[in-house]
Amino acid sequence: MGVVYYGNYFTYFEVARVEYLRDLGVVYAQMEKDGVFLAVFEAYCKYKASARYDDLLVARTWVSKLKHARAELSYEIWRENETQLVVEGRTTLVCVDTEGKPMLIPKQISDLLKKEMDSQ
């Protein structure tokens, strides 16, 4: 049909989240080596327009909620030059240990996320 498969937007959200954290100074691979994982607890996506093959897309990501063991990140996927909103969504992430048990978000990460939220 010449359009991006709807499920791919969740992959875009994941890539945007990893890059967003990297920009804040949180390297996801290192976090996992340290035994800290962010498991997706809930995911939401609202489709506004179809992206077509070869469209250049821009992802915006920000922290929209933060609690002790959870963080909600919101996303917007735009056509290049932000001419049209294609998708908006959010994921709720739960911080878990190597056994998959919920844990507090490590202080150094939660402090960075709080600071980012305050600057929005």
PDB file of N, CA and C in Angstrom:
ATOM      1  N   MET A   1       0.817  -1.209   0.000  1.00  0.00           N
ATOM      2  CA  MET A   1       0.000   0.000   0.000  1.00  0.00           C
ATOM      3  C   MET A   1       0.853   1.262   0.000  1.00  0.00           C
ATOM      4  N   GLY A   2       2.158   1.095   0.149  1.00  0.00           N
ATOM      5  CA  GLY A   2       3.041   2.253   0.093  1.00  0.00           C
ATOM      6  C   GLY A   2       3.120   3.061   1.368  1.00  0.00           C
ATOM      7  N   VAL A   3       2.546   2.550   2.462  1.00  0.00           N
ATOM      8  CA  VAL A   3       2.593   3.275   3.730  1.00  0.00           C
ATOM      9  C   VAL A   3       3.366   2.455   4.763  1.00  0.00           C
ATOM     10  N   VAL A   4       3.833   3.137   5.791  1.00  0.00           N
ATOM     11  CA  VAL A   4       4.560   2.478   6.869  1.00  0.00           C
ATOM     12  C   VAL A   4       3.587   1.596   7.654  1.00  0.00           C
ATOM     13  N   TYR A   5       3.990   0.364   7.900  1.00  0.00           N
ATOM     14  CA  TYR A   5       3.185  -0.567   8.692  1.00  0.00           C
ATOM     15  C   TYR A   5       2.961   0.009  10.084  1.00  0.00           C
ATOM     16  N   TYR A   6       1.736  -0.064  10.565  1.00  0.00           N
ATOM     17  CA  TYR A   6       1.366   0.613  11.816  1.00  0.00           C
ATOM     18  C   TYR A   6       2.215   0.175  13.014  1.00  0.00           C
ATOM     19  N   GLY A   7       2.590  -1.088  13.083  1.00  0.00           N
ATOM     20  CA  GLY A   7       3.376  -1.581  14.208  1.00  0.00           C
ATOM     21  C   GLY A   7       4.782  -1.018  14.268  1.00  0.00           C
ATOM     22  N   ASN A   8       5.280  -0.535  13.134  1.00  0.00           N
ATOM     23  CA  ASN A   8       6.631   0.020  13.115  1.00  0.00           C
ATOM     24  C   ASN A   8       6.764   1.277  13.967  1.00  0.00           C
ATOM     25  N   TYR A   9       5.668   1.964  14.204  1.00  0.00           N
ATOM     26  CA  TYR A   9       5.765   3.186  15.004  1.00  0.00           C
ATOM     27  C   TYR A   9       6.234   2.893  16.419  1.00  0.00           C
ATOM     28  N   PHE A  10       5.900   1.718  16.946  1.00  0.00           N
ATOM     29  CA  PHE A  10       6.386   1.366  18.278  1.00  0.00           C
ATOM     30  C   PHE A  10       7.903   1.157  18.260  1.00  0.00           C
ATOM     31  N   THR A  11       8.425   0.660  17.152  1.00  0.00           N
ATOM     32  CA  THR A  11       9.881   0.560  16.991  1.00  0.00           C
ATOM     33  C   THR A  11      10.484   1.952  16.937  1.00  0.00           C
ATOM     34  N   TYR A  12       9.840   2.862  16.224  1.00  0.00           N
ATOM     35  CA  TYR A  12      10.324   4.248  16.184  1.00  0.00           C
ATOM     36  C   TYR A  12      10.344   4.857  17.581  1.00  0.00           C
ATOM     37  N   PHE A  13       9.291   4.567  18.371  1.00  0.00           N
ATOM     38  CA  PHE A  13       9.256   5.067  19.751  1.00  0.00           C
ATOM     39  C   PHE A  13      10.454   4.538  20.535  1.00  0.00           C
ATOM     40  N   GLU A  14      10.752   3.257  20.359  1.00  0.00           N
ATOM     41  CA  GLU A  14      11.879   2.650  21.085  1.00  0.00           C
ATOM     42  C   GLU A  14      13.198   3.301  20.699  1.00  0.00           C
ATOM     43  N   VAL A  15      13.426   3.477  19.425  1.00  0.00           N
ATOM     44  CA  VAL A  15      14.658   4.119  18.963  1.00  0.00           C
ATOM     45  C   VAL A  15      14.727   5.549  19.510  1.00  0.00           C
ATOM     46  N   ALA A  16      13.626   6.269  19.447  1.00  0.00           N
ATOM     47  CA  ALA A  16      13.586   7.644  19.951  1.00  0.00           C
ATOM     48  C   ALA A  16      13.880   7.679  21.453  1.00  0.00           C
ATOM     49  N   ARG A  17      13.341   6.713  22.193  1.00  0.00           N
ATOM     50  CA  ARG A  17      13.564   6.660  23.642  1.00  0.00           C
ATOM     51  C   ARG A  17      15.041   6.412  23.956  1.00  0.00           C
ATOM     52  N   VAL A  18      15.657   5.469  23.278  1.00  0.00           N
ATOM     53  CA  VAL A  18      17.071   5.166  23.522  1.00  0.00           C
ATOM     54  C   VAL A  18      17.936   6.381  23.204  1.00  0.00           C
ATOM     55  N   GLU A  19      17.657   7.056  22.094  1.00  0.00           N
ATOM     56  CA  GLU A  19      18.436   8.241  21.722  1.00  0.00           C
ATOM     57  C   GLU A  19      18.179   9.408  22.677  1.00  0.00           C
ATOM     58  N   TYR A  20      16.945   9.546  23.120  1.00  0.00           N
ATOM     59  CA  TYR A  20      16.600  10.590  24.089  1.00  0.00           C
ATOM     60  C   TYR A  20      17.404  10.383  25.378  1.00  0.00           C
ATOM     61  N   LEU A  21      17.411   9.143  25.878  1.00  0.00           N
ATOM     62  CA  LEU A  21      18.165   8.845  27.095  1.00  0.00           C
ATOM     63  C   LEU A  21      19.656   9.086  26.878  1.00  0.00           C
ATOM     64  N   ARG A  22      20.157   8.692  25.708  1.00  0.00           N
ATOM     65  CA  ARG A  22      21.568   8.915  25.394  1.00  0.00           C
ATOM     66  C   ARG A  22      21.889  10.410  25.431  1.00  0.00           C
ATOM     67  N   ASP A  23      21.008  11.234  24.870  1.00  0.00           N
ATOM     68  CA  ASP A  23      21.211  12.685  24.886  1.00  0.00           C
ATOM     69  C   ASP A  23      21.241  13.241  26.304  1.00  0.00           C
ATOM     70  N   LEU A  24      20.545  12.572  27.219  1.00  0.00           N
ATOM     71  CA  LEU A  24      20.544  12.991  28.620  1.00  0.00           C
ATOM     72  C   LEU A  24      21.749  12.455  29.386  1.00  0.00           C
ATOM     73  N   GLY A  25      22.520  11.576  28.737  1.00  0.00           N
ATOM     74  CA  GLY A  25      23.689  11.008  29.396  1.00  0.00           C
ATOM     75  C   GLY A  25      23.467   9.610  29.952  1.00  0.00           C
ATOM     76  N   VAL A  26      22.341   8.988  29.624  1.00  0.00           N
ATOM     77  CA  VAL A  26      22.035   7.639  30.088  1.00  0.00           C
ATOM     78  C   VAL A  26      22.232   6.688  28.911  1.00  0.00           C
ATOM     79  N   VAL A  27      23.247   5.848  28.995  1.00  0.00           N
ATOM     80  CA  VAL A  27      23.512   4.874  27.940  1.00  0.00           C
ATOM     81  C   VAL A  27      22.769   3.596  28.318  1.00  0.00           C
ATOM     82  N   TYR A  28      21.780   3.240  27.502  1.00  0.00           N
ATOM     83  CA  TYR A  28      20.904   2.115  27.830  1.00  0.00           C
ATOM     84  C   TYR A  28      21.694   0.817  27.990  1.00  0.00           C
ATOM     85  N   ALA A  29      22.680   0.588  27.130  1.00  0.00           N
ATOM     86  CA  ALA A  29      23.476  -0.634  27.222  1.00  0.00           C
ATOM     87  C   ALA A  29      24.200  -0.710  28.565  1.00  0.00           C
ATOM     88  N   GLN A  30      24.722   0.407  29.040  1.00  0.00           N
ATOM     89  CA  GLN A  30      25.407   0.423  30.335  1.00  0.00           C
ATOM     90  C   GLN A  30      24.416   0.204  31.466  1.00  0.00           C
ATOM     91  N   MET A  31      23.248   0.806  31.331  1.00  0.00           N
ATOM     92  CA  MET A  31      22.217   0.626  32.348  1.00  0.00           C
ATOM     93  C   MET A  31      21.891  -0.860  32.500  1.00  0.00           C
ATOM     94  N   GLU A  32      21.759  -1.566  31.367  1.00  0.00           N
ATOM     95  CA  GLU A  32      21.465  -2.994  31.416  1.00  0.00           C
ATOM     96  C   GLU A  32      22.630  -3.780  32.013  1.00  0.00           C
ATOM     97  N   LYS A  33      23.867  -3.391  31.696  1.00  0.00           N
ATOM     98  CA  LYS A  33      25.031  -4.044  32.309  1.00  0.00           C
ATOM     99  C   LYS A  33      25.007  -3.877  33.823  1.00  0.00           C
ATOM    100  N   ASP A  34      24.454  -2.746  34.269  1.00  0.00           N
ATOM    101  CA  ASP A  34      24.355  -2.466  35.702  1.00  0.00           C
ATOM    102  C   ASP A  34      23.148  -3.165  36.342  1.00  0.00           C
ATOM    103  N   GLY A  35      22.390  -3.938  35.548  1.00  0.00           N
ATOM    104  CA  GLY A  35      21.261  -4.696  36.086  1.00  0.00           C
ATOM    105  C   GLY A  35      19.971  -3.911  36.195  1.00  0.00           C
ATOM    106  N   VAL A  36      19.854  -2.831  35.441  1.00  0.00           N
ATOM    107  CA  VAL A  36      18.664  -1.990  35.463  1.00  0.00           C
ATOM    108  C   VAL A  36      18.025  -2.031  34.082  1.00  0.00           C
ATOM    109  N   PHE A  37      16.747  -2.359  34.040  1.00  0.00           N
ATOM    110  CA  PHE A  37      16.026  -2.471  32.774  1.00  0.00           C
ATOM    111  C   PHE A  37      14.761  -1.637  32.826  1.00  0.00           C
ATOM    112  N   LEU A  38      14.349  -1.118  31.688  1.00  0.00           N
ATOM    113  CA  LEU A  38      13.089  -0.391  31.575  1.00  0.00           C
ATOM    114  C   LEU A  38      12.146  -1.227  30.729  1.00  0.00           C
ATOM    115  N   ALA A  39      11.206  -1.876  31.385  1.00  0.00           N
ATOM    116  CA  ALA A  39      10.249  -2.740  30.696  1.00  0.00           C
ATOM    117  C   ALA A  39       9.009  -1.929  30.322  1.00  0.00           C
ATOM    118  N   VAL A  40       8.522  -2.134  29.120  1.00  0.00           N
ATOM    119  CA  VAL A  40       7.307  -1.437  28.689  1.00  0.00           C
ATOM    120  C   VAL A  40       6.112  -2.064  29.408  1.00  0.00           C
ATOM    121  N   PHE A  41       5.414  -1.238  30.147  1.00  0.00           N
ATOM    122  CA  PHE A  41       4.241  -1.650  30.908  1.00  0.00           C
ATOM    123  C   PHE A  41       2.962  -1.371  30.121  1.00  0.00           C
ATOM    124  N   GLU A  42       2.998  -0.270  29.378  1.00  0.00           N
ATOM    125  CA  GLU A  42       1.833   0.142  28.598  1.00  0.00           C
ATOM    126  C   GLU A  42       2.321   0.935  27.392  1.00  0.00           C
ATOM    127  N   ALA A  43       1.648   0.777  26.266  1.00  0.00           N
ATOM    128  CA  ALA A  43       2.002   1.533  25.063  1.00  0.00           C
ATOM    129  C   ALA A  43       0.723   2.012  24.393  1.00  0.00           C
ATOM    130  N   TYR A  44       0.776   3.226  23.882  1.00  0.00           N
ATOM    131  CA  TYR A  44      -0.381   3.857  23.239  1.00  0.00           C
ATOM    132  C   TYR A  44       0.098   4.575  21.985  1.00  0.00           C
ATOM    133  N   CYS A  45      -0.717   4.518  20.959  1.00  0.00           N
ATOM    134  CA  CYS A  45      -0.375   5.195  19.711  1.00  0.00           C
ATOM    135  C   CYS A  45      -1.655   5.689  19.050  1.00  0.00           C
ATOM    136  N   LYS A  46      -1.648   6.937  18.624  1.00  0.00           N
ATOM    137  CA  LYS A  46      -2.773   7.507  17.891  1.00  0.00           C
ATOM    138  C   LYS A  46      -2.250   7.952  16.528  1.00  0.00           C
ATOM    139  N   TYR A  47      -2.846   7.393  15.493  1.00  0.00           N
ATOM    140  CA  TYR A  47      -2.407   7.664  14.131  1.00  0.00           C
ATOM    141  C   TYR A  47      -3.135   8.885  13.579  1.00  0.00           C
ATOM    142  N   LYS A  48      -2.360   9.827  13.081  1.00  0.00           N
ATOM    143  CA  LYS A  48      -2.915  11.079  12.559  1.00  0.00           C
ATOM    144  C   LYS A  48      -2.870  11.138  11.035  1.00  0.00           C
ATOM    145  N   ALA A  49      -1.845  10.522  10.454  1.00  0.00           N
ATOM    146  CA  ALA A  49      -1.659  10.525   9.000  1.00  0.00           C
ATOM    147  C   ALA A  49      -0.755   9.347   8.662  1.00  0.00           C
ATOM    148  N   SER A  50      -0.751   8.962   7.421  1.00  0.00           N
ATOM    149  CA  SER A  50       0.106   7.856   6.997  1.00  0.00           C
ATOM    150  C   SER A  50       1.471   8.379   6.575  1.00  0.00           C
ATOM    151  N   ALA A  51       2.506   7.732   7.094  1.00  0.00           N
ATOM    152  CA  ALA A  51       3.842   7.997   6.562  1.00  0.00           C
ATOM    153  C   ALA A  51       4.025   7.068   5.369  1.00  0.00           C
ATOM    154  N   ARG A  52       4.638   7.562   4.355  1.00  0.00           N
ATOM    155  CA  ARG A  52       4.868   6.785   3.136  1.00  0.00           C
ATOM    156  C   ARG A  52       6.329   6.349   3.085  1.00  0.00           C
ATOM    157  N   TYR A  53       6.575   5.305   2.322  1.00  0.00           N
ATOM    158  CA  TYR A  53       7.944   4.863   2.141  1.00  0.00           C
ATOM    159  C   TYR A  53       8.782   6.027   1.634  1.00  0.00           C
ATOM    160  N   ASP A  54       9.965   6.127   2.134  1.00  0.00           N
ATOM    161  CA  ASP A  54      10.938   7.175   1.794  1.00  0.00           C
ATOM    162  C   ASP A  54      10.630   8.533   2.420  1.00  0.00           C
ATOM    163  N   ASP A  55       9.545   8.650   3.201  1.00  0.00           N
ATOM    164  CA  ASP A  55       9.358   9.879   3.965  1.00  0.00           C
ATOM    165  C   ASP A  55      10.482   9.982   4.994  1.00  0.00           C
ATOM    166  N   LEU A  56      11.002  11.169   5.173  1.00  0.00           N
ATOM    167  CA  LEU A  56      11.939  11.413   6.260  1.00  0.00           C
ATOM    168  C   LEU A  56      11.118  11.861   7.455  1.00  0.00           C
ATOM    169  N   LEU A  57      11.321  11.204   8.580  1.00  0.00           N
ATOM    170  CA  LEU A  57      10.512  11.452   9.765  1.00  0.00           C
ATOM    171  C   LEU A  57      11.379  11.998  10.895  1.00  0.00           C
ATOM    172  N   VAL A  58      10.771  12.803  11.732  1.00  0.00           N
ATOM    173  CA  VAL A  58      11.429  13.386  12.895  1.00  0.00           C
ATOM    174  C   VAL A  58      10.654  12.941  14.128  1.00  0.00           C
ATOM    175  N   ALA A  59      11.385  12.455  15.134  1.00  0.00           N
ATOM    176  CA  ALA A  59      10.747  12.018  16.385  1.00  0.00           C
ATOM    177  C   ALA A  59      11.048  13.020  17.487  1.00  0.00           C
ATOM    178  N   ARG A  60      10.019  13.403  18.201  1.00  0.00           N
ATOM    179  CA  ARG A  60      10.161  14.232  19.403  1.00  0.00           C
ATOM    180  C   ARG A  60       9.840  13.332  20.587  1.00  0.00           C
ATOM    181  N   THR A  61      10.615  13.447  21.645  1.00  0.00           N
ATOM    182  CA  THR A  61      10.429  12.610  22.823  1.00  0.00           C
ATOM    183  C   THR A  61      10.586  13.471  24.068  1.00  0.00           C
ATOM    184  N   TRP A  62       9.767  13.204  25.076  1.00  0.00           N
ATOM    185  CA  TRP A  62       9.909  13.905  26.350  1.00  0.00           C
ATOM    186  C   TRP A  62       9.311  13.067  27.476  1.00  0.00           C
ATOM    187  N   VAL A  63       9.752  13.362  28.699  1.00  0.00           N
ATOM    188  CA  VAL A  63       9.217  12.707  29.887  1.00  0.00           C
ATOM    189  C   VAL A  63       7.927  13.418  30.253  1.00  0.00           C
ATOM    190  N   SER A  64       6.834  12.666  30.323  1.00  0.00           N
ATOM    191  CA  SER A  64       5.554  13.292  30.658  1.00  0.00           C
ATOM    192  C   SER A  64       5.104  12.983  32.082  1.00  0.00           C
ATOM    193  N   LYS A  65       5.572  11.888  32.669  1.00  0.00           N
ATOM    194  CA  LYS A  65       5.265  11.548  34.067  1.00  0.00           C
ATOM    195  C   LYS A  65       6.437  10.778  34.634  1.00  0.00           C
ATOM    196  N   LEU A  66       6.633  10.933  35.938  1.00  0.00           N
ATOM    197  CA  LEU A  66       7.711  10.221  36.595  1.00  0.00           C
ATOM    198  C   LEU A  66       7.277   9.879  38.005  1.00  0.00           C
ATOM    199  N   LYS A  67       7.347   8.602  38.330  1.00  0.00           N
ATOM    200  CA  LYS A  67       7.043   8.139  39.688  1.00  0.00           C
ATOM    201  C   LYS A  67       8.223   7.302  40.159  1.00  0.00           C
ATOM    202  N   HIS A  68       8.111   6.688  41.281  1.00  0.00           N
ATOM    203  CA  HIS A  68       9.221   5.973  41.914  1.00  0.00           C
ATOM    204  C   HIS A  68       9.852   4.906  41.022  1.00  0.00           C
ATOM    205  N   ALA A  69       9.032   4.053  40.439  1.00  0.00           N
ATOM    206  CA  ALA A  69       9.555   2.956  39.608  1.00  0.00           C
ATOM    207  C   ALA A  69       9.091   3.068  38.161  1.00  0.00           C
ATOM    208  N   ARG A  70       8.315   4.104  37.859  1.00  0.00           N
ATOM    209  CA  ARG A  70       7.745   4.248  36.512  1.00  0.00           C
ATOM    210  C   ARG A  70       8.093   5.585  35.888  1.00  0.00           C
ATOM    211  N   ALA A  71       8.197   5.535  34.576  1.00  0.00           N
ATOM    212  CA  ALA A  71       8.382   6.759  33.796  1.00  0.00           C
ATOM    213  C   ALA A  71       7.486   6.650  32.570  1.00  0.00           C
ATOM    214  N   GLU A  72       6.796   7.732  32.264  1.00  0.00           N
ATOM    215  CA  GLU A  72       6.008   7.782  31.033  1.00  0.00           C
ATOM    216  C   GLU A  72       6.717   8.726  30.081  1.00  0.00           C
ATOM    217  N   LEU A  73       6.989   8.221  28.879  1.00  0.00           N
ATOM    218  CA  LEU A  73       7.567   9.047  27.833  1.00  0.00           C
ATOM    219  C   LEU A  73       6.535   9.247  26.744  1.00  0.00           C
ATOM    220  N   SER A  74       6.478  10.448  26.225  1.00  0.00           N
ATOM    221  CA  SER A  74       5.559  10.774  25.146  1.00  0.00           C
ATOM    222  C   SER A  74       6.352  11.005  23.872  1.00  0.00           C
ATOM    223  N   TYR A  75       5.681  10.781  22.751  1.00  0.00           N
ATOM    224  CA  TYR A  75       6.343  10.847  21.449  1.00  0.00           C
ATOM    225  C   TYR A  75       5.445  11.535  20.433  1.00  0.00           C
ATOM    226  N   GLU A  76       6.078  12.204  19.507  1.00  0.00           N
ATOM    227  CA  GLU A  76       5.426  12.678  18.294  1.00  0.00           C
ATOM    228  C   GLU A  76       6.339  12.319  17.132  1.00  0.00           C
ATOM    229  N   ILE A  77       5.754  11.779  16.089  1.00  0.00           N
ATOM    230  CA  ILE A  77       6.494  11.493  14.865  1.00  0.00           C
ATOM    231  C   ILE A  77       5.944  12.442  13.799  1.00  0.00           C
ATOM    232  N   TRP A  78       6.822  13.261  13.242  1.00  0.00           N
ATOM    233  CA  TRP A  78       6.467  14.281  12.258  1.00  0.00           C
ATOM    234  C   TRP A  78       7.132  13.967  10.924  1.00  0.00           C
ATOM    235  N   ARG A  79       6.508  14.450   9.853  1.00  0.00           N
ATOM    236  CA  ARG A  79       7.199  14.454   8.568  1.00  0.00           C
ATOM    237  C   ARG A  79       8.371  15.426   8.689  1.00  0.00           C
ATOM    238  N   GLU A  80       9.371  15.227   7.849  1.00  0.00           N
ATOM    239  CA  GLU A  80      10.530  16.105   7.852  1.00  0.00           C
ATOM    240  C   GLU A  80      10.083  17.568   7.816  1.00  0.00           C
ATOM    241  N   ASN A  81      10.837  18.415   8.473  1.00  0.00           N
ATOM    242  CA  ASN A  81      10.536  19.846   8.602  1.00  0.00           C
ATOM    243  C   ASN A  81       9.283  20.101   9.420  1.00  0.00           C
ATOM    244  N   GLU A  82       8.803  19.063  10.125  1.00  0.00           N
ATOM    245  CA  GLU A  82       7.639  19.165  11.014  1.00  0.00           C
ATOM    246  C   GLU A  82       6.442  19.800  10.325  1.00  0.00           C
ATOM    247  N   THR A  83       6.194  19.348   9.107  1.00  0.00           N
ATOM    248  CA  THR A  83       5.076  19.883   8.336  1.00  0.00           C
ATOM    249  C   THR A  83       3.766  19.175   8.642  1.00  0.00           C
ATOM    250  N   GLN A  84       3.833  17.928   9.115  1.00  0.00           N
ATOM    251  CA  GLN A  84       2.602  17.202   9.418  1.00  0.00           C
ATOM    252  C   GLN A  84       2.865  16.184  10.514  1.00  0.00           C
ATOM    253  N   LEU A  85       2.018  16.218  11.544  1.00  0.00           N
ATOM    254  CA  LEU A  85       2.087  15.228  12.612  1.00  0.00           C
ATOM    255  C   LEU A  85       1.545  13.909  12.078  1.00  0.00           C
ATOM    256  N   VAL A  86       2.348  12.864  12.177  1.00  0.00           N
ATOM    257  CA  VAL A  86       1.952  11.552  11.662  1.00  0.00           C
ATOM    258  C   VAL A  86       1.370  10.696  12.784  1.00  0.00           C
ATOM    259  N   VAL A  87       2.050  10.673  13.919  1.00  0.00           N
ATOM    260  CA  VAL A  87       1.665   9.802  15.035  1.00  0.00           C
ATOM    261  C   VAL A  87       2.007  10.490  16.343  1.00  0.00           C
ATOM    262  N   GLU A  88       1.157  10.276  17.344  1.00  0.00           N
ATOM    263  CA  GLU A  88       1.523  10.657  18.699  1.00  0.00           C
ATOM    264  C   GLU A  88       1.303   9.438  19.587  1.00  0.00           C
ATOM    265  N   GLY A  89       2.104   9.330  20.632  1.00  0.00           N
ATOM    266  CA  GLY A  89       1.965   8.165  21.482  1.00  0.00           C
ATOM    267  C   GLY A  89       2.700   8.333  22.783  1.00  0.00           C
ATOM    268  N   ARG A  90       2.667   7.264  23.563  1.00  0.00           N
ATOM    269  CA  ARG A  90       3.372   7.266  24.837  1.00  0.00           C
ATOM    270  C   ARG A  90       3.645   5.827  25.253  1.00  0.00           C
ATOM    271  N   THR A  91       4.653   5.665  26.066  1.00  0.00           N
ATOM    272  CA  THR A  91       4.924   4.382  26.686  1.00  0.00           C
ATOM    273  C   THR A  91       5.140   4.611  28.169  1.00  0.00           C
ATOM    274  N   THR A  92       4.611   3.716  28.973  1.00  0.00           N
ATOM    275  CA  THR A  92       4.890   3.711  30.399  1.00  0.00           C
ATOM    276  C   THR A  92       5.904   2.610  30.641  1.00  0.00           C
ATOM    277  N   LEU A  93       6.998   2.981  31.258  1.00  0.00           N
ATOM    278  CA  LEU A  93       8.101   2.058  31.506  1.00  0.00           C
ATOM    279  C   LEU A  93       8.213   1.802  32.999  1.00  0.00           C
ATOM    280  N   VAL A  94       8.468   0.556  33.343  1.00  0.00           N
ATOM    281  CA  VAL A  94       8.685   0.183  34.734  1.00  0.00           C
ATOM    282  C   VAL A  94      10.140  -0.239  34.869  1.00  0.00           C
ATOM    283  N   CYS A  95      10.804   0.288  35.849  1.00  0.00           N
ATOM    284  CA  CYS A  95      12.180  -0.071  36.121  1.00  0.00           C
ATOM    285  C   CYS A  95      12.185  -1.420  36.833  1.00  0.00           C
ATOM    286  N   VAL A  96      12.933  -2.375  36.278  1.00  0.00           N
ATOM    287  CA  VAL A  96      13.000  -3.712  36.876  1.00  0.00           C
ATOM    288  C   VAL A  96      14.460  -4.152  36.984  1.00  0.00           C
ATOM    289  N   ASP A  97      14.678  -5.129  37.886  1.00  0.00           N
ATOM    290  CA  ASP A  97      16.021  -5.686  38.059  1.00  0.00           C
ATOM    291  C   ASP A  97      16.219  -6.877  37.120  1.00  0.00           C
ATOM    292  N   THR A  98      17.312  -7.576  37.285  1.00  0.00           N
ATOM    293  CA  THR A  98      17.635  -8.692  36.396  1.00  0.00           C
ATOM    294  C   THR A  98      16.639  -9.839  36.486  1.00  0.00           C
ATOM    295  N   GLU A  99      15.872  -9.903  37.571  1.00  0.00           N
ATOM    296  CA  GLU A  99      14.859 -10.949  37.728  1.00  0.00           C
ATOM    297  C   GLU A  99      13.475 -10.480  37.283  1.00  0.00           C
ATOM    298  N   GLY A 100      13.401  -9.254  36.784  1.00  0.00           N
ATOM    299  CA  GLY A 100      12.127  -8.718  36.323  1.00  0.00           C
ATOM    300  C   GLY A 100      11.260  -8.157  37.435  1.00  0.00           C
ATOM    301  N   LYS A 101      11.828  -7.951  38.602  1.00  0.00           N
ATOM    302  CA  LYS A 101      11.074  -7.398  39.735  1.00  0.00           C
ATOM    303  C   LYS A 101      11.187  -5.881  39.722  1.00  0.00           C
ATOM    304  N   PRO A 102      10.069  -5.203  39.971  1.00  0.00           N
ATOM    305  CA  PRO A 102      10.107  -3.731  39.990  1.00  0.00           C
ATOM    306  C   PRO A 102      11.104  -3.204  41.022  1.00  0.00           C
ATOM    307  N   MET A 103      11.734  -2.111  40.661  1.00  0.00           N
ATOM    308  CA  MET A 103      12.687  -1.447  41.544  1.00  0.00           C
ATOM    309  C   MET A 103      12.590   0.057  41.326  1.00  0.00           C
ATOM    310  N   LEU A 104      13.085   0.812  42.273  1.00  0.00           N
ATOM    311  CA  LEU A 104      13.121   2.258  42.108  1.00  0.00           C
ATOM    312  C   LEU A 104      14.034   2.608  40.937  1.00  0.00           C
ATOM    313  N   ILE A 105      13.663   3.637  40.208  1.00  0.00           N
ATOM    314  CA  ILE A 105      14.555   4.147  39.166  1.00  0.00           C
ATOM    315  C   ILE A 105      15.801   4.677  39.883  1.00  0.00           C
ATOM    316  N   PRO A 106      16.989   4.256  39.467  1.00  0.00           N
ATOM    317  CA  PRO A 106      18.201   4.748  40.128  1.00  0.00           C
ATOM    318  C   PRO A 106      18.233   6.276  40.197  1.00  0.00           C
ATOM    319  N   LYS A 107      18.714   6.765  41.323  1.00  0.00           N
ATOM    320  CA  LYS A 107      18.675   8.200  41.601  1.00  0.00           C
ATOM    321  C   LYS A 107      19.321   9.039  40.498  1.00  0.00           C
ATOM    322  N   GLN A 108      20.471   8.606  39.991  1.00  0.00           N
ATOM    323  CA  GLN A 108      21.145   9.417  38.967  1.00  0.00           C
ATOM    324  C   GLN A 108      20.281   9.534  37.709  1.00  0.00           C
ATOM    325  N   ILE A 109      19.507   8.495  37.387  1.00  0.00           N
ATOM    326  CA  ILE A 109      18.625   8.541  36.221  1.00  0.00           C
ATOM    327  C   ILE A 109      17.377   9.358  36.534  1.00  0.00           C
ATOM    328  N   SER A 110      16.774   9.125  37.693  1.00  0.00           N
ATOM    329  CA  SER A 110      15.556   9.877  38.035  1.00  0.00           C
ATOM    330  C   SER A 110      15.857  11.366  38.172  1.00  0.00           C
ATOM    331  N   ASP A 111      17.041  11.698  38.692  1.00  0.00           N
ATOM    332  CA  ASP A 111      17.411  13.120  38.798  1.00  0.00           C
ATOM    333  C   ASP A 111      17.502  13.765  37.419  1.00  0.00           C
ATOM    334  N   LEU A 112      18.099  13.056  36.452  1.00  0.00           N
ATOM    335  CA  LEU A 112      18.191  13.588  35.081  1.00  0.00           C
ATOM    336  C   LEU A 112      16.800  13.755  34.466  1.00  0.00           C
ATOM    337  N   LEU A 113      15.926  12.756  34.678  1.00  0.00           N
ATOM    338  CA  LEU A 113      14.575  12.824  34.120  1.00  0.00           C
ATOM    339  C   LEU A 113      13.764  13.944  34.766  1.00  0.00           C
ATOM    340  N   LYS A 114      13.904  14.111  36.089  1.00  0.00           N
ATOM    341  CA  LYS A 114      13.202  15.207  36.785  1.00  0.00           C
ATOM    342  C   LYS A 114      13.663  16.560  36.263  1.00  0.00           C
ATOM    343  N   LYS A 115      14.982  16.695  36.117  1.00  0.00           N
ATOM    344  CA  LYS A 115      15.532  17.956  35.618  1.00  0.00           C
ATOM    345  C   LYS A 115      14.990  18.257  34.222  1.00  0.00           C
ATOM    346  N   GLU A 116      14.927  17.220  33.389  1.00  0.00           N
ATOM    347  CA  GLU A 116      14.401  17.382  32.028  1.00  0.00           C
ATOM    348  C   GLU A 116      12.924  17.779  32.055  1.00  0.00           C
ATOM    349  N   MET A 117      12.151  17.143  32.932  1.00  0.00           N
ATOM    350  CA  MET A 117      10.728  17.494  33.049  1.00  0.00           C
ATOM    351  C   MET A 117      10.548  18.932  33.479  1.00  0.00           C
ATOM    352  N   ASP A 118      11.369  19.365  34.431  1.00  0.00           N
ATOM    353  CA  ASP A 118      11.269  20.727  34.933  1.00  0.00           C
ATOM    354  C   ASP A 118      11.609  21.777  33.878  1.00  0.00           C
ATOM    355  N   SER A 119      12.432  21.396  32.912  1.00  0.00           N
ATOM    356  CA  SER A 119      12.839  22.360  31.889  1.00  0.00           C
ATOM    357  C   SER A 119      11.868  22.418  30.704  1.00  0.00           C
ATOM    358  N   GLN A 120      10.878  21.554  30.696  1.00  0.00           N
ATOM    359  CA  GLN A 120       9.936  21.508  29.556  1.00  0.00           C
ATOM    360  C   GLN A 120       8.900  22.611  29.669  1.00  0.00           C
TER     361      GLN A 120
END
